[in-house]
Each structure stands twice: as C-alpha cells, then as structure tokens.
Amino acid sequence: MEPFVPPSPRARALFHLQAFSRLLLFWVPTVTVATMVGSATWSFGGALTIGASFLFLQALLALWWPWLSYRALGWHLGPTELLVRRGVLIRQITAIPLSRIQHVDVRQGPLEQAFGLTRLHVHTASGLGADGTIPGLEPEDAERLRQELTRAAKADDGV
C-alpha cells in the first residue's frame, strides 16, 4: 500500500492558530474565573499559582497538540476506498468505499481562507453528514481529489 498523503505544511500553522484561539477564548477566561472563585476559599496567591500553572500547561498543550495532530492526519485513495487517518491518543483509520460516496464538498472557513487551505468533506449513503473530512489541503489538491472521488464513485455506481 502506498503511504498516506499528509496535509499541506501550512496546515501546521493553521492548527496552531486554532489551538491558541481556543486557549485565549476559552481557557484564559475559565481559569480567570476559577482563580477569582478559588481566591474566596484559598489565599489569592495560592489560587493565582494554581490558575497560572493550569494556563501554562494549557499553553504547552496548545504548542504540542497541533503538531501531533498534523503528524497523525493523512489520506490515501485506493482502487476501491478512500482511507482517512487521524487521531493522537486514539488512532483511527476510516475506510470510505468509493461505491458509497454520494457527493464531495470542498469548503473554506475564514482561517482556512487566510492560510490558503481547504477542507474536503466526503458524504456517503449513510445520511449522517460528512463521513470523512480531510482538513489542511491545498486548494488544487482538494479539487483534484474531489474530481477523482466523484469520477470513481460514478464509475463504481453499479446502476
């Protein structure tokens, strides 16, 4: 089997920006409130130390986790299926039979547009939404893969 194709190298920067956005928008306010509430029970210095330590650990995680996620992500188009690999703690490979593909979307959110990247969504007959999502693709690669998947799905339609 051929190796999995990794996302664009620019996806690493996108994944890091997304992680730091979560850090600033969720963890900083959460730890701030927890520190203020904790200072009513403990001394302010003790609550501040715990809060700062937790934020420091979250910042380290925001630096480290996107890199691991990038390394774990990949895809492979075989003769009968599309394989999508992801997961850091729980490794997962999703096999999407080409015969089950109904349509393929290429999307760009605001951050993806800023980085010049796209996300590919593969929908199958299951009706549960996107069964396979590949983030961090170059637009040309995403469009080429979309065309290949659409062509392969039509060729393997069986109708």
N, C-alpha and C. Protein backbone atom coordinates (compact mmCIF):
# COMPACT_ATOMS: atom_id res chain seq x y z
N MET A 1 0.84 -1.17 0.00
CA MET A 1 0.00 0.00 0.00
C MET A 1 0.89 1.25 0.00
N GLU A 2 0.47 2.23 -0.76
CA GLU A 2 1.19 3.49 -0.80
C GLU A 2 1.01 4.22 0.54
N PRO A 3 1.94 5.11 0.86
CA PRO A 3 1.82 5.83 2.14
C PRO A 3 0.67 6.84 2.11
N PHE A 4 0.27 7.24 3.30
CA PHE A 4 -0.76 8.25 3.42
C PHE A 4 -0.20 9.61 3.01
N VAL A 5 -1.03 10.42 2.37
CA VAL A 5 -0.63 11.76 1.96
C VAL A 5 -0.90 12.71 3.12
N PRO A 6 0.11 13.45 3.58
CA PRO A 6 -0.10 14.37 4.71
C PRO A 6 -0.78 15.65 4.23
N PRO A 7 -1.31 16.43 5.17
CA PRO A 7 -1.85 17.74 4.79
C PRO A 7 -0.72 18.68 4.37
N SER A 8 -1.11 19.84 3.87
CA SER A 8 -0.14 20.87 3.48
C SER A 8 0.71 21.27 4.69
N PRO A 9 1.98 21.57 4.49
CA PRO A 9 2.80 22.05 5.61
C PRO A 9 2.24 23.31 6.27
N ARG A 10 1.50 24.12 5.50
CA ARG A 10 0.90 25.33 6.08
C ARG A 10 -0.20 24.98 7.08
N ALA A 11 -0.71 23.75 7.03
CA ALA A 11 -1.76 23.34 7.96
C ALA A 11 -1.25 23.34 9.40
N ARG A 12 0.04 23.11 9.59
CA ARG A 12 0.60 23.14 10.95
C ARG A 12 0.37 24.49 11.60
N ALA A 13 0.64 25.56 10.84
CA ALA A 13 0.44 26.91 11.37
C ALA A 13 -1.05 27.16 11.64
N LEU A 14 -1.92 26.68 10.76
CA LEU A 14 -3.36 26.82 10.96
C LEU A 14 -3.80 26.08 12.21
N PHE A 15 -3.34 24.86 12.40
CA PHE A 15 -3.71 24.07 13.57
C PHE A 15 -3.22 24.76 14.86
N HIS A 16 -2.03 25.35 14.81
CA HIS A 16 -1.51 26.08 15.99
C HIS A 16 -2.37 27.32 16.27
N LEU A 17 -2.73 28.05 15.24
CA LEU A 17 -3.57 29.24 15.44
C LEU A 17 -4.92 28.85 16.03
N GLN A 18 -5.50 27.76 15.54
CA GLN A 18 -6.78 27.29 16.09
C GLN A 18 -6.63 26.91 17.57
N ALA A 19 -5.53 26.26 17.91
CA ALA A 19 -5.30 25.85 19.30
C ALA A 19 -5.12 27.07 20.21
N PHE A 20 -4.37 28.07 19.75
CA PHE A 20 -4.17 29.27 20.57
C PHE A 20 -5.45 30.10 20.65
N SER A 21 -6.27 30.05 19.61
CA SER A 21 -7.57 30.74 19.68
C SER A 21 -8.44 30.11 20.76
N ARG A 22 -8.45 28.78 20.82
CA ARG A 22 -9.20 28.09 21.89
C ARG A 22 -8.63 28.45 23.26
N LEU A 23 -7.31 28.54 23.33
CA LEU A 23 -6.67 28.90 24.60
C LEU A 23 -7.12 30.28 25.06
N LEU A 24 -7.10 31.25 24.14
CA LEU A 24 -7.46 32.62 24.51
C LEU A 24 -8.96 32.79 24.73
N LEU A 25 -9.77 32.15 23.91
CA LEU A 25 -11.22 32.36 24.00
C LEU A 25 -11.91 31.51 25.07
N PHE A 26 -11.32 30.37 25.42
CA PHE A 26 -11.97 29.50 26.41
C PHE A 26 -11.18 29.38 27.70
N TRP A 27 -9.92 28.98 27.59
CA TRP A 27 -9.16 28.65 28.79
C TRP A 27 -8.77 29.87 29.63
N VAL A 28 -8.38 30.97 29.01
CA VAL A 28 -7.99 32.15 29.79
C VAL A 28 -9.18 32.67 30.61
N PRO A 29 -10.37 32.87 30.01
CA PRO A 29 -11.50 33.31 30.84
C PRO A 29 -11.90 32.27 31.90
N THR A 30 -11.87 31.01 31.55
CA THR A 30 -12.25 29.96 32.50
C THR A 30 -11.30 29.95 33.71
N VAL A 31 -10.01 30.01 33.45
CA VAL A 31 -9.03 29.99 34.55
C VAL A 31 -9.11 31.28 35.35
N THR A 32 -9.38 32.40 34.69
CA THR A 32 -9.51 33.67 35.41
C THR A 32 -10.67 33.61 36.40
N VAL A 33 -11.82 33.12 35.92
CA VAL A 33 -12.99 33.00 36.81
C VAL A 33 -12.71 31.99 37.92
N ALA A 34 -12.11 30.86 37.58
CA ALA A 34 -11.79 29.84 38.59
C ALA A 34 -10.83 30.40 39.64
N THR A 35 -9.87 31.21 39.22
CA THR A 35 -8.91 31.81 40.14
C THR A 35 -9.62 32.79 41.09
N MET A 36 -10.53 33.58 40.51
CA MET A 36 -11.27 34.53 41.35
C MET A 36 -12.16 33.80 42.36
N VAL A 37 -12.83 32.75 41.92
CA VAL A 37 -13.67 31.96 42.83
C VAL A 37 -12.80 31.24 43.85
N GLY A 38 -11.69 30.69 43.40
CA GLY A 38 -10.78 29.97 44.30
C GLY A 38 -10.16 30.86 45.34
N SER A 39 -9.99 32.15 45.02
CA SER A 39 -9.36 33.06 45.99
C SER A 39 -10.29 33.33 47.17
N ALA A 40 -11.58 33.06 47.00
CA ALA A 40 -12.50 33.20 48.14
C ALA A 40 -12.30 32.07 49.14
N THR A 41 -11.88 30.90 48.65
CA THR A 41 -11.66 29.74 49.50
C THR A 41 -10.23 29.69 50.02
N TRP A 42 -9.27 29.89 49.10
CA TRP A 42 -7.86 29.87 49.47
C TRP A 42 -7.34 31.29 49.47
N SER A 43 -6.07 31.42 49.71
CA SER A 43 -5.46 32.75 49.59
C SER A 43 -5.41 33.12 48.11
N PHE A 44 -5.39 34.40 47.81
CA PHE A 44 -5.34 34.83 46.42
C PHE A 44 -4.07 34.33 45.75
N GLY A 45 -2.96 34.35 46.45
CA GLY A 45 -1.68 33.88 45.90
C GLY A 45 -1.73 32.40 45.53
N GLY A 46 -2.34 31.59 46.39
CA GLY A 46 -2.45 30.16 46.11
C GLY A 46 -3.34 29.89 44.90
N ALA A 47 -4.47 30.60 44.83
CA ALA A 47 -5.39 30.43 43.70
C ALA A 47 -4.73 30.91 42.41
N LEU A 48 -4.00 32.01 42.50
CA LEU A 48 -3.29 32.55 41.33
C LEU A 48 -2.22 31.58 40.85
N THR A 49 -1.51 30.95 41.77
CA THR A 49 -0.47 29.98 41.41
C THR A 49 -1.09 28.77 40.70
N ILE A 50 -2.19 28.27 41.23
CA ILE A 50 -2.86 27.13 40.60
C ILE A 50 -3.38 27.52 39.22
N GLY A 51 -4.02 28.68 39.12
CA GLY A 51 -4.55 29.15 37.84
C GLY A 51 -3.45 29.35 36.81
N ALA A 52 -2.36 29.99 37.22
CA ALA A 52 -1.24 30.23 36.30
C ALA A 52 -0.59 28.92 35.86
N SER A 53 -0.50 27.97 36.78
CA SER A 53 0.06 26.65 36.43
C SER A 53 -0.81 25.95 35.41
N PHE A 54 -2.12 26.00 35.62
CA PHE A 54 -3.04 25.36 34.68
C PHE A 54 -2.96 26.02 33.30
N LEU A 55 -2.92 27.36 33.28
CA LEU A 55 -2.79 28.07 32.00
C LEU A 55 -1.48 27.73 31.31
N PHE A 56 -0.41 27.61 32.07
CA PHE A 56 0.88 27.24 31.50
C PHE A 56 0.81 25.85 30.85
N LEU A 57 0.17 24.90 31.53
CA LEU A 57 0.01 23.56 30.97
C LEU A 57 -0.85 23.58 29.71
N GLN A 58 -1.91 24.39 29.71
CA GLN A 58 -2.75 24.51 28.51
C GLN A 58 -1.98 25.14 27.35
N ALA A 59 -1.12 26.11 27.66
CA ALA A 59 -0.30 26.73 26.61
C ALA A 59 0.68 25.72 26.03
N LEU A 60 1.28 24.90 26.88
CA LEU A 60 2.16 23.84 26.37
C LEU A 60 1.39 22.87 25.49
N LEU A 61 0.19 22.52 25.91
CA LEU A 61 -0.65 21.63 25.12
C LEU A 61 -1.01 22.28 23.78
N ALA A 62 -1.27 23.59 23.78
CA ALA A 62 -1.58 24.30 22.54
C ALA A 62 -0.38 24.35 21.60
N LEU A 63 0.83 24.28 22.14
CA LEU A 63 2.02 24.22 21.31
C LEU A 63 2.27 22.82 20.76
N TRP A 64 2.02 21.82 21.58
CA TRP A 64 2.41 20.44 21.29
C TRP A 64 1.33 19.68 20.51
N TRP A 65 0.06 19.83 20.90
CA TRP A 65 -1.02 19.02 20.33
C TRP A 65 -1.22 19.23 18.82
N PRO A 66 -1.22 20.47 18.31
CA PRO A 66 -1.40 20.65 16.86
C PRO A 66 -0.32 19.95 16.04
N TRP A 67 0.90 19.94 16.56
CA TRP A 67 1.99 19.26 15.85
C TRP A 67 1.71 17.76 15.78
N LEU A 68 1.25 17.18 16.90
CA LEU A 68 0.91 15.76 16.91
C LEU A 68 -0.28 15.46 16.01
N SER A 69 -1.27 16.34 16.03
CA SER A 69 -2.45 16.16 15.18
C SER A 69 -2.07 16.20 13.70
N TYR A 70 -1.18 17.12 13.36
CA TYR A 70 -0.72 17.23 11.97
C TYR A 70 -0.03 15.93 11.53
N ARG A 71 0.82 15.41 12.40
CA ARG A 71 1.55 14.18 12.05
C ARG A 71 0.63 12.98 11.92
N ALA A 72 -0.48 12.98 12.66
CA ALA A 72 -1.40 11.84 12.65
C ALA A 72 -2.37 11.89 11.46
N LEU A 73 -2.51 13.03 10.83
CA LEU A 73 -3.52 13.22 9.78
C LEU A 73 -2.97 12.82 8.42
N GLY A 74 -3.78 12.14 7.64
CA GLY A 74 -3.39 11.78 6.27
C GLY A 74 -4.53 11.08 5.55
N TRP A 75 -4.36 10.92 4.24
CA TRP A 75 -5.36 10.24 3.44
C TRP A 75 -4.67 9.41 2.36
N HIS A 76 -5.40 8.41 1.88
CA HIS A 76 -4.90 7.55 0.81
C HIS A 76 -6.08 7.13 -0.06
N LEU A 77 -5.97 7.35 -1.35
CA LEU A 77 -7.01 6.93 -2.28
C LEU A 77 -6.59 5.63 -2.93
N GLY A 78 -7.29 4.56 -2.56
CA GLY A 78 -7.03 3.25 -3.13
C GLY A 78 -7.98 2.97 -4.28
N PRO A 79 -7.88 1.78 -4.87
CA PRO A 79 -8.74 1.45 -6.01
C PRO A 79 -10.22 1.31 -5.64
N THR A 80 -10.52 0.97 -4.40
CA THR A 80 -11.92 0.75 -4.02
C THR A 80 -12.38 1.60 -2.84
N GLU A 81 -11.45 2.32 -2.19
CA GLU A 81 -11.84 3.08 -1.00
C GLU A 81 -10.90 4.26 -0.76
N LEU A 82 -11.44 5.21 -0.01
CA LEU A 82 -10.65 6.34 0.47
C LEU A 82 -10.38 6.08 1.95
N LEU A 83 -9.11 6.11 2.34
CA LEU A 83 -8.74 5.94 3.74
C LEU A 83 -8.37 7.30 4.32
N VAL A 84 -8.95 7.63 5.49
CA VAL A 84 -8.65 8.87 6.18
C VAL A 84 -8.10 8.50 7.55
N ARG A 85 -6.88 8.95 7.83
CA ARG A 85 -6.21 8.63 9.10
C ARG A 85 -6.16 9.88 9.97
N ARG A 86 -6.45 9.70 11.26
CA ARG A 86 -6.40 10.80 12.22
C ARG A 86 -6.29 10.26 13.62
N GLY A 87 -6.09 11.14 14.58
CA GLY A 87 -6.10 10.75 15.99
C GLY A 87 -4.72 10.70 16.61
N VAL A 88 -4.61 11.31 17.78
CA VAL A 88 -3.35 11.32 18.51
C VAL A 88 -3.37 10.24 19.58
N LEU A 89 -4.30 10.33 20.51
CA LEU A 89 -4.40 9.33 21.56
C LEU A 89 -5.10 8.07 21.06
N ILE A 90 -6.14 8.28 20.30
CA ILE A 90 -6.88 7.15 19.71
C ILE A 90 -6.70 7.25 18.20
N ARG A 91 -5.84 6.39 17.68
CA ARG A 91 -5.59 6.37 16.24
C ARG A 91 -6.80 5.79 15.53
N GLN A 92 -7.18 6.41 14.43
CA GLN A 92 -8.37 5.98 13.71
C GLN A 92 -8.11 6.04 12.22
N ILE A 93 -8.48 4.99 11.52
CA ILE A 93 -8.44 5.00 10.06
C ILE A 93 -9.86 4.69 9.60
N THR A 94 -10.45 5.64 8.87
CA THR A 94 -11.79 5.47 8.34
C THR A 94 -11.69 5.06 6.89
N ALA A 95 -12.32 3.95 6.54
CA ALA A 95 -12.36 3.48 5.15
C ALA A 95 -13.71 3.84 4.56
N ILE A 96 -13.69 4.63 3.51
CA ILE A 96 -14.92 5.04 2.84
C ILE A 96 -14.95 4.36 1.47
N PRO A 97 -15.84 3.37 1.29
CA PRO A 97 -15.93 2.71 -0.02
C PRO A 97 -16.34 3.71 -1.11
N LEU A 98 -15.65 3.69 -2.23
CA LEU A 98 -15.97 4.62 -3.31
C LEU A 98 -17.39 4.42 -3.81
N SER A 99 -17.88 3.19 -3.74
CA SER A 99 -19.24 2.90 -4.22
C SER A 99 -20.31 3.55 -3.33
N ARG A 100 -19.97 3.96 -2.12
CA ARG A 100 -20.94 4.56 -1.19
C ARG A 100 -20.93 6.09 -1.22
N ILE A 101 -19.96 6.67 -1.92
CA ILE A 101 -19.85 8.13 -1.96
C ILE A 101 -21.00 8.72 -2.76
N GLN A 102 -21.70 9.69 -2.15
CA GLN A 102 -22.79 10.38 -2.84
C GLN A 102 -22.35 11.73 -3.38
N HIS A 103 -21.66 12.49 -2.57
CA HIS A 103 -21.09 13.75 -3.06
C HIS A 103 -19.92 14.17 -2.19
N VAL A 104 -19.13 15.08 -2.76
CA VAL A 104 -17.91 15.55 -2.10
C VAL A 104 -17.93 17.07 -2.14
N ASP A 105 -17.71 17.69 -0.98
CA ASP A 105 -17.67 19.15 -0.87
C ASP A 105 -16.25 19.61 -0.56
N VAL A 106 -15.91 20.78 -1.08
CA VAL A 106 -14.67 21.46 -0.72
C VAL A 106 -15.08 22.77 -0.07
N ARG A 107 -14.63 22.98 1.16
CA ARG A 107 -15.03 24.17 1.92
C ARG A 107 -13.82 24.91 2.46
N GLN A 108 -14.04 26.21 2.70
CA GLN A 108 -13.01 27.07 3.31
C GLN A 108 -13.67 27.95 4.35
N GLY A 109 -13.22 27.82 5.58
CA GLY A 109 -13.64 28.75 6.62
C GLY A 109 -12.75 29.99 6.56
N PRO A 110 -13.03 30.99 7.40
CA PRO A 110 -12.23 32.23 7.35
C PRO A 110 -10.74 32.01 7.63
N LEU A 111 -10.41 31.19 8.62
CA LEU A 111 -8.99 30.94 8.90
C LEU A 111 -8.34 30.15 7.77
N GLU A 112 -9.07 29.18 7.22
CA GLU A 112 -8.53 28.41 6.09
C GLU A 112 -8.30 29.32 4.89
N GLN A 113 -9.21 30.25 4.66
CA GLN A 113 -9.01 31.21 3.56
C GLN A 113 -7.76 32.04 3.79
N ALA A 114 -7.56 32.47 5.03
CA ALA A 114 -6.38 33.29 5.35
C ALA A 114 -5.09 32.51 5.09
N PHE A 115 -5.11 31.20 5.30
CA PHE A 115 -3.92 30.37 5.09
C PHE A 115 -3.88 29.76 3.69
N GLY A 116 -4.91 30.02 2.87
CA GLY A 116 -4.95 29.47 1.52
C GLY A 116 -5.13 27.96 1.51
N LEU A 117 -5.90 27.44 2.47
CA LEU A 117 -6.13 26.00 2.58
C LEU A 117 -7.62 25.68 2.47
N THR A 118 -7.93 24.42 2.23
CA THR A 118 -9.32 23.99 2.14
C THR A 118 -9.52 22.72 2.94
N ARG A 119 -10.79 22.36 3.08
CA ARG A 119 -11.21 21.15 3.82
C ARG A 119 -12.13 20.38 2.88
N LEU A 120 -11.89 19.08 2.76
CA LEU A 120 -12.69 18.22 1.90
C LEU A 120 -13.64 17.39 2.75
N HIS A 121 -14.94 17.40 2.41
CA HIS A 121 -15.96 16.62 3.11
C HIS A 121 -16.51 15.57 2.15
N VAL A 122 -16.47 14.30 2.57
CA VAL A 122 -16.99 13.20 1.77
C VAL A 122 -18.28 12.71 2.42
N HIS A 123 -19.37 12.73 1.65
CA HIS A 123 -20.67 12.28 2.14
C HIS A 123 -21.02 10.96 1.48
N THR A 124 -21.53 10.03 2.28
CA THR A 124 -21.91 8.72 1.76
C THR A 124 -23.41 8.50 1.92
N ALA A 125 -23.85 7.32 1.56
CA ALA A 125 -25.26 6.96 1.63
C ALA A 125 -25.76 6.80 3.05
N SER A 126 -24.91 6.92 4.04
CA SER A 126 -25.35 6.75 5.43
C SER A 126 -26.29 7.86 5.88
N GLY A 127 -26.18 9.04 5.27
CA GLY A 127 -27.05 10.15 5.62
C GLY A 127 -26.73 10.81 6.94
N LEU A 128 -25.58 10.54 7.52
CA LEU A 128 -25.21 11.09 8.82
C LEU A 128 -24.31 12.31 8.71
N GLY A 129 -24.29 12.97 7.58
CA GLY A 129 -23.39 14.10 7.38
C GLY A 129 -22.10 13.63 6.73
N ALA A 130 -21.05 14.40 6.91
CA ALA A 130 -19.77 14.05 6.30
C ALA A 130 -19.19 12.82 7.00
N ASP A 131 -18.89 11.79 6.22
CA ASP A 131 -18.31 10.57 6.77
C ASP A 131 -16.79 10.63 6.81
N GLY A 132 -16.24 11.51 6.02
CA GLY A 132 -14.79 11.69 6.02
C GLY A 132 -14.47 13.15 5.78
N THR A 133 -13.62 13.70 6.60
CA THR A 133 -13.21 15.10 6.45
C THR A 133 -11.68 15.14 6.45
N ILE A 134 -11.14 15.83 5.46
CA ILE A 134 -9.69 15.98 5.36
C ILE A 134 -9.38 17.47 5.40
N PRO A 135 -8.90 17.98 6.54
CA PRO A 135 -8.56 19.40 6.62
C PRO A 135 -7.13 19.66 6.14
N GLY A 136 -6.85 20.95 5.89
CA GLY A 136 -5.48 21.36 5.61
C GLY A 136 -4.96 21.01 4.23
N LEU A 137 -5.86 20.97 3.23
CA LEU A 137 -5.43 20.64 1.87
C LEU A 137 -5.18 21.91 1.06
N GLU A 138 -4.23 21.84 0.16
CA GLU A 138 -4.05 22.90 -0.83
C GLU A 138 -5.29 22.91 -1.71
N PRO A 139 -5.78 24.08 -2.14
CA PRO A 139 -7.00 24.12 -2.96
C PRO A 139 -6.93 23.25 -4.22
N GLU A 140 -5.77 23.25 -4.89
CA GLU A 140 -5.63 22.44 -6.12
C GLU A 140 -5.72 20.95 -5.79
N ASP A 141 -5.10 20.54 -4.68
CA ASP A 141 -5.14 19.13 -4.28
C ASP A 141 -6.56 18.72 -3.89
N ALA A 142 -7.25 19.61 -3.18
CA ALA A 142 -8.62 19.30 -2.76
C ALA A 142 -9.54 19.17 -3.97
N GLU A 143 -9.39 20.06 -4.93
CA GLU A 143 -10.23 20.00 -6.13
C GLU A 143 -9.91 18.76 -6.96
N ARG A 144 -8.62 18.44 -7.08
CA ARG A 144 -8.23 17.24 -7.82
C ARG A 144 -8.78 15.99 -7.15
N LEU A 145 -8.67 15.91 -5.82
CA LEU A 145 -9.19 14.76 -5.08
C LEU A 145 -10.71 14.69 -5.18
N ARG A 146 -11.37 15.84 -5.14
CA ARG A 146 -12.83 15.86 -5.29
C ARG A 146 -13.24 15.30 -6.65
N GLN A 147 -12.54 15.71 -7.69
CA GLN A 147 -12.84 15.22 -9.03
C GLN A 147 -12.57 13.72 -9.13
N GLU A 148 -11.46 13.25 -8.58
CA GLU A 148 -11.13 11.82 -8.61
C GLU A 148 -12.17 11.00 -7.87
N LEU A 149 -12.58 11.48 -6.69
CA LEU A 149 -13.59 10.75 -5.91
C LEU A 149 -14.94 10.73 -6.61
N THR A 150 -15.31 11.86 -7.20
CA THR A 150 -16.58 11.92 -7.92
C THR A 150 -16.55 11.00 -9.12
N ARG A 151 -15.46 11.01 -9.86
CA ARG A 151 -15.32 10.15 -11.04
C ARG A 151 -15.32 8.67 -10.62
N ALA A 152 -14.58 8.34 -9.57
CA ALA A 152 -14.52 6.94 -9.10
C ALA A 152 -15.87 6.48 -8.57
N ALA A 153 -16.58 7.36 -7.88
CA ALA A 153 -17.89 6.99 -7.34
C ALA A 153 -18.88 6.74 -8.47
N LYS A 154 -18.83 7.55 -9.53
CA LYS A 154 -19.72 7.35 -10.68
C LYS A 154 -19.36 6.08 -11.43
N ALA A 155 -18.06 5.79 -11.57
CA ALA A 155 -17.63 4.59 -12.28
C ALA A 155 -18.01 3.32 -11.52
N ASP A 156 -18.07 3.41 -10.19
CA ASP A 156 -18.36 2.25 -9.35
C ASP A 156 -19.81 2.27 -8.88
N ASP A 157 -20.67 3.03 -9.60
CA ASP A 157 -22.05 3.22 -9.17
C ASP A 157 -22.87 1.95 -9.21
N GLY A 158 -22.65 1.13 -10.19
CA GLY A 158 -23.36 -0.15 -10.27
C GLY A 158 -24.79 -0.04 -10.74
N VAL A 159 -25.23 1.14 -11.16
CA VAL A 159 -26.61 1.31 -11.63
C VAL A 159 -26.64 1.24 -13.13
